[in-house]
């Protein structure tokens, strides 16, 4: 049989484990959301190229590459902030 102090110790450890699991789940949701947005954008670009609505050479332009990189960086930072917000929110 476990005494009262052992039961409270086990209960405290389980409570911590549940809190860490919730934080990891929230972070996973935020990362998954970012990946879904990225996949939708890339799929749209591939669809537009395959339908010949945009030229592939346009995406190879230095200005376009820089702009797309900046857009992905901004979306990534916003997603990171959202993930931190989800982790800190109780």
C-alpha atoms as a PDB file:
ATOM      1  CA  UNK A   1       0.000   0.000   0.000  1.00  0.00           C
ATOM      2  CA  UNK A   2       1.097   3.537  -0.693  1.00  0.00           C
ATOM      3  CA  UNK A   3       1.068   6.074   2.055  1.00  0.00           C
ATOM      4  CA  UNK A   4      -0.359   9.600   1.693  1.00  0.00           C
ATOM      5  CA  UNK A   5       2.966  11.268   0.781  1.00  0.00           C
ATOM      6  CA  UNK A   6       3.699   8.723  -1.949  1.00  0.00           C
ATOM      7  CA  UNK A   7       0.217   9.172  -3.407  1.00  0.00           C
ATOM      8  CA  UNK A   8       0.611  12.957  -3.459  1.00  0.00           C
ATOM      9  CA  UNK A   9       4.049  12.625  -5.107  1.00  0.00           C
ATOM     10  CA  UNK A  10       2.663  10.372  -7.838  1.00  0.00           C
ATOM     11  CA  UNK A  11      -0.311  12.692  -8.301  1.00  0.00           C
ATOM     12  CA  UNK A  12       2.013  15.704  -8.690  1.00  0.00           C
ATOM     13  CA  UNK A  13       4.162  13.905 -11.252  1.00  0.00           C
ATOM     14  CA  UNK A  14       1.112  12.883 -13.281  1.00  0.00           C
ATOM     15  CA  UNK A  15      -0.202  16.460 -13.153  1.00  0.00           C
ATOM     16  CA  UNK A  16       3.120  17.785 -14.525  1.00  0.00           C
ATOM     17  CA  UNK A  17       3.147  15.141 -17.245  1.00  0.00           C
ATOM     18  CA  UNK A  18      -0.361  16.115 -18.364  1.00  0.00           C
ATOM     19  CA  UNK A  19       0.598  19.825 -18.468  1.00  0.00           C
ATOM     20  CA  UNK A  20       3.700  19.107 -20.584  1.00  0.00           C
ATOM     21  CA  UNK A  21       1.680  16.883 -22.899  1.00  0.00           C
ATOM     22  CA  UNK A  22      -0.858  19.673 -23.452  1.00  0.00           C
ATOM     23  CA  UNK A  23       1.900  22.168 -24.266  1.00  0.00           C
ATOM     24  CA  UNK A  24       3.483  19.764 -26.742  1.00  0.00           C
ATOM     25  CA  UNK A  25       0.074  19.155 -28.344  1.00  0.00           C
ATOM     26  CA  UNK A  26      -0.509  22.900 -28.749  1.00  0.00           C
ATOM     27  CA  UNK A  27       2.934  23.358 -30.280  1.00  0.00           C
ATOM     28  CA  UNK A  28       2.271  20.470 -32.652  1.00  0.00           C
ATOM     29  CA  UNK A  29      -0.994  22.079 -33.765  1.00  0.00           C
ATOM     30  CA  UNK A  30       0.798  25.373 -34.479  1.00  0.00           C
ATOM     31  CA  UNK A  31       3.563  23.673 -36.474  1.00  0.00           C
ATOM     32  CA  UNK A  32       1.004  21.587 -38.344  1.00  0.00           C
ATOM     33  CA  UNK A  33      -0.944  24.712 -39.256  1.00  0.00           C
ATOM     34  CA  UNK A  34       2.181  26.311 -40.685  1.00  0.00           C
ATOM     35  CA  UNK A  35       2.933  23.212 -42.720  1.00  0.00           C
ATOM     36  CA  UNK A  36      -0.619  23.127 -44.076  1.00  0.00           C
ATOM     37  CA  UNK A  37      -0.424  26.769 -45.158  1.00  0.00           C
ATOM     38  CA  UNK A  38       2.919  26.125 -46.850  1.00  0.00           C
ATOM     39  CA  UNK A  39       1.565  23.070 -48.667  1.00  0.00           C
ATOM     40  CA  UNK A  40      -1.501  24.981 -49.888  1.00  0.00           C
ATOM     41  CA  UNK A  41       0.687  27.793 -51.253  1.00  0.00           C
ATOM     42  CA  UNK A  42       3.098  25.410 -52.978  1.00  0.00           C
ATOM     43  CA  UNK A  43       0.238  23.322 -54.396  1.00  0.00           C
ATOM     44  CA  UNK A  44      -1.372  26.486 -55.785  1.00  0.00           C
ATOM     45  CA  UNK A  45       1.889  27.486 -57.466  1.00  0.00           C
ATOM     46  CA  UNK A  46       2.303  24.023 -58.995  1.00  0.00           C
ATOM     47  CA  UNK A  47      -1.316  24.107 -60.208  1.00  0.00           C
ATOM     48  CA  UNK A  48      -0.877  27.531 -61.814  1.00  0.00           C
ATOM     49  CA  UNK A  49       2.338  26.398 -63.524  1.00  0.00           C
ATOM     50  CA  UNK A  50       0.761  23.158 -64.776  1.00  0.00           C
ATOM     51  CA  UNK A  51      -2.213  25.061 -66.216  1.00  0.00           C
ATOM     52  CA  UNK A  52       0.215  27.435 -67.963  1.00  0.00           C
ATOM     53  CA  UNK A  53      -1.274  30.426 -66.166  1.00  0.00           C
ATOM     54  CA  UNK A  54       2.153  31.546 -64.972  1.00  0.00           C
ATOM     55  CA  UNK A  55       5.546  31.029 -66.511  1.00  0.00           C
ATOM     56  CA  UNK A  56       8.116  28.985 -64.585  1.00  0.00           C
ATOM     57  CA  UNK A  57      10.733  31.580 -65.492  1.00  0.00           C
ATOM     58  CA  UNK A  58       8.865  34.147 -63.429  1.00  0.00           C
ATOM     59  CA  UNK A  59       9.564  32.136 -60.280  1.00  0.00           C
ATOM     60  CA  UNK A  60      13.278  32.027 -61.120  1.00  0.00           C
ATOM     61  CA  UNK A  61      13.559  35.821 -61.167  1.00  0.00           C
ATOM     62  CA  UNK A  62      15.733  37.186 -58.352  1.00  0.00           C
ATOM     63  CA  UNK A  63      13.076  39.662 -57.184  1.00  0.00           C
ATOM     64  CA  UNK A  64      10.341  36.995 -57.088  1.00  0.00           C
ATOM     65  CA  UNK A  65      12.545  34.550 -55.208  1.00  0.00           C
ATOM     66  CA  UNK A  66      13.365  37.231 -52.650  1.00  0.00           C
ATOM     67  CA  UNK A  67       9.703  38.193 -52.318  1.00  0.00           C
ATOM     68  CA  UNK A  68       8.577  34.586 -51.850  1.00  0.00           C
ATOM     69  CA  UNK A  69      11.329  34.065 -49.277  1.00  0.00           C
ATOM     70  CA  UNK A  70      10.190  37.155 -47.396  1.00  0.00           C
ATOM     71  CA  UNK A  71       6.559  36.011 -47.480  1.00  0.00           C
ATOM     72  CA  UNK A  72       7.436  32.564 -46.140  1.00  0.00           C
ATOM     73  CA  UNK A  73       9.614  34.151 -43.446  1.00  0.00           C
ATOM     74  CA  UNK A  74       6.776  36.444 -42.316  1.00  0.00           C
ATOM     75  CA  UNK A  75       4.301  33.551 -42.242  1.00  0.00           C
ATOM     76  CA  UNK A  76       6.810  31.467 -40.287  1.00  0.00           C
ATOM     77  CA  UNK A  77       7.367  34.216 -37.709  1.00  0.00           C
ATOM     78  CA  UNK A  78       3.629  34.738 -37.325  1.00  0.00           C
ATOM     79  CA  UNK A  79       3.139  30.993 -36.845  1.00  0.00           C
ATOM     80  CA  UNK A  80       5.947  30.885 -34.279  1.00  0.00           C
ATOM     81  CA  UNK A  81       4.314  33.720 -32.321  1.00  0.00           C
ATOM     82  CA  UNK A  82       0.990  31.878 -32.489  1.00  0.00           C
ATOM     83  CA  UNK A  83       2.662  28.735 -31.163  1.00  0.00           C
ATOM     84  CA  UNK A  84       4.255  30.615 -28.272  1.00  0.00           C
ATOM     85  CA  UNK A  85       0.900  32.221 -27.508  1.00  0.00           C
ATOM     86  CA  UNK A  86      -0.764  28.800 -27.437  1.00  0.00           C
ATOM     87  CA  UNK A  87       1.942  27.464 -25.134  1.00  0.00           C
ATOM     88  CA  UNK A  88       1.616  30.336 -22.673  1.00  0.00           C
ATOM     89  CA  UNK A  89      -2.179  30.428 -22.730  1.00  0.00           C
ATOM     90  CA  UNK A  90      -3.783  28.338 -20.022  1.00  0.00           C
END
